[in-house]
Amino acid sequence: MNDPNCIFCKIARGLIPAKKIYDDDDVMAFHDIRPQAPVHFLIVPKAHIASLYDAQPPHQAALGKMLLIAGGLAREAGATDGFRTIVNNGRVGHQEVYHVHMHVLGGPDPLGPMLSRRN
């Protein structure tokens, strides 16, 4: 919550509205504004961590909590037969918002392969 220009920090401070599905002192989860699957939400630490390259030992609890709550939130949102988690990092990883966030995607139908196989 400490970068005044970061959209996720602004959501955490209540300056920008979001359809939240989880919120505590460490992390929040909210629906993606451009969903790519029937279930698509983000889990975000409230501390501003630009990418996993910048994660430090004090961030361990919040980053671990993101993984721990993903399954329950996915199930509650309707992804009852599986889901995918994605954390993009840096330019090559197609990170669009430089604040660590985990996409959780799922739905009633399989999502398909994540990456093409290379020969």
Protein backbone atom coordinates (compact mmCIF):
# COMPACT_ATOMS: atom_id res chain seq x y z
CA MET A 1 0.00 0.00 0.00
CA ASN A 2 2.95 2.32 -0.29
CA ASP A 3 3.35 3.30 -3.96
CA PRO A 4 1.13 6.33 -4.63
CA ASN A 5 1.04 5.61 -8.38
CA CYS A 6 0.30 1.86 -8.22
CA ILE A 7 -3.25 0.86 -9.15
CA PHE A 8 -3.24 -2.10 -6.73
CA CYS A 9 -1.99 0.10 -3.88
CA LYS A 10 -4.82 2.52 -4.69
CA ILE A 11 -7.34 -0.35 -4.56
CA ALA A 12 -5.90 -1.43 -1.20
CA ARG A 13 -6.29 2.12 0.14
CA GLY A 14 -9.89 2.28 -1.12
CA LEU A 15 -9.15 5.00 -3.68
CA ILE A 16 -10.22 2.84 -6.64
CA PRO A 17 -13.22 0.52 -6.41
CA ALA A 18 -12.87 -3.22 -6.98
CA LYS A 19 -15.20 -6.18 -6.61
CA LYS A 20 -13.38 -7.71 -3.63
CA ILE A 21 -13.90 -11.30 -2.62
CA TYR A 22 -11.30 -11.38 0.19
CA ASP A 23 -9.61 -8.71 2.30
CA ASP A 24 -7.44 -8.90 5.41
CA ASP A 25 -4.39 -7.08 6.79
CA ASP A 26 -1.95 -8.83 4.42
CA VAL A 27 -3.70 -9.62 1.13
CA MET A 28 -6.81 -8.89 -0.88
CA ALA A 29 -8.54 -10.66 -3.75
CA PHE A 30 -10.82 -9.13 -6.35
CA HIS A 31 -12.33 -9.96 -9.73
CA ASP A 32 -10.21 -9.20 -12.80
CA ILE A 33 -11.61 -6.32 -14.87
CA ARG A 34 -10.88 -8.25 -18.10
CA PRO A 35 -11.67 -11.87 -17.21
CA GLN A 36 -10.06 -14.53 -19.38
CA ALA A 37 -12.11 -17.41 -17.93
CA PRO A 38 -15.50 -17.83 -16.22
CA VAL A 39 -13.64 -17.60 -12.90
CA HIS A 40 -10.83 -15.04 -12.95
CA PHE A 41 -9.70 -13.07 -9.94
CA LEU A 42 -6.46 -11.65 -8.60
CA ILE A 43 -4.84 -12.18 -5.21
CA VAL A 44 -2.57 -9.28 -4.27
CA PRO A 45 -0.34 -8.60 -1.25
CA LYS A 46 -1.11 -5.23 0.32
CA ALA A 47 2.60 -4.44 0.65
CA HIS A 48 3.93 -3.03 -2.60
CA ILE A 49 6.29 -5.62 -4.08
CA ALA A 50 7.05 -4.74 -7.70
CA SER A 51 7.79 -8.33 -8.80
CA LEU A 52 9.03 -11.59 -7.32
CA TYR A 53 12.54 -10.33 -8.07
CA ASP A 54 11.90 -7.78 -5.31
CA ALA A 55 10.40 -10.15 -2.72
CA GLN A 56 12.22 -10.21 0.61
CA PRO A 57 11.94 -12.42 3.73
CA PRO A 58 9.44 -10.02 5.41
CA HIS A 59 7.05 -10.68 2.48
CA GLN A 60 7.02 -14.45 3.02
CA ALA A 61 3.82 -14.58 5.09
CA ALA A 62 1.75 -12.55 2.62
CA LEU A 63 3.09 -14.44 -0.40
CA GLY A 64 2.40 -17.77 1.30
CA LYS A 65 -1.09 -16.65 2.26
CA MET A 66 -1.81 -15.93 -1.41
CA LEU A 67 -1.29 -19.62 -2.19
CA LEU A 68 -3.15 -20.82 0.90
CA ILE A 69 -6.35 -18.91 0.15
CA ALA A 70 -6.40 -19.54 -3.62
CA GLY A 71 -8.12 -22.93 -3.46
CA GLY A 72 -10.94 -21.92 -1.16
CA LEU A 73 -11.63 -18.72 -3.07
CA ALA A 74 -11.54 -20.57 -6.41
CA ARG A 75 -14.01 -23.16 -5.11
CA GLU A 76 -16.33 -20.44 -3.74
CA ALA A 77 -16.19 -18.65 -7.11
CA GLY A 78 -17.25 -21.81 -8.99
CA ALA A 79 -13.96 -23.45 -10.01
CA THR A 80 -14.84 -26.73 -8.32
CA ASP A 81 -12.93 -29.10 -10.61
CA GLY A 82 -9.57 -27.34 -10.82
CA PHE A 83 -8.01 -23.96 -11.43
CA ARG A 84 -4.81 -22.36 -12.66
CA THR A 85 -2.58 -19.85 -10.88
CA ILE A 86 -0.31 -17.50 -12.80
CA VAL A 87 2.21 -14.95 -11.53
CA ASN A 88 3.79 -12.95 -14.37
CA ASN A 89 7.17 -11.31 -13.70
CA GLY A 90 8.99 -8.71 -15.75
CA ARG A 91 8.77 -7.79 -19.41
CA VAL A 92 9.42 -11.29 -20.75
CA GLY A 93 6.84 -12.71 -18.33
CA HIS A 94 4.29 -10.17 -19.63
CA GLN A 95 3.81 -8.47 -16.28
CA GLU A 96 1.47 -5.53 -16.89
CA VAL A 97 1.08 -4.14 -13.36
CA TYR A 98 4.33 -3.93 -11.40
CA HIS A 99 2.88 -5.06 -8.08
CA VAL A 100 3.02 -8.82 -7.44
CA HIS A 101 -0.34 -10.42 -8.14
CA MET A 102 -1.56 -13.93 -8.75
CA HIS A 103 -4.21 -14.64 -11.36
CA VAL A 104 -6.59 -17.46 -10.41
CA LEU A 105 -8.51 -18.84 -13.39
CA GLY A 106 -11.01 -21.66 -13.71
CA GLY A 107 -14.53 -22.59 -14.55
CA PRO A 108 -16.67 -25.53 -15.55
CA ASP A 109 -14.62 -26.39 -18.66
CA PRO A 110 -10.90 -27.20 -19.02
CA LEU A 111 -8.74 -24.15 -19.69
CA GLY A 112 -6.56 -25.83 -22.30
CA PRO A 113 -2.78 -26.11 -22.36
CA MET A 114 -0.92 -23.19 -20.88
CA LEU A 115 2.11 -23.33 -23.18
CA SER A 116 2.87 -24.92 -26.51
CA ARG A 117 5.33 -27.78 -26.43
CA ARG A 118 8.68 -27.10 -28.04
CA ASN A 119 10.45 -29.78 -30.06
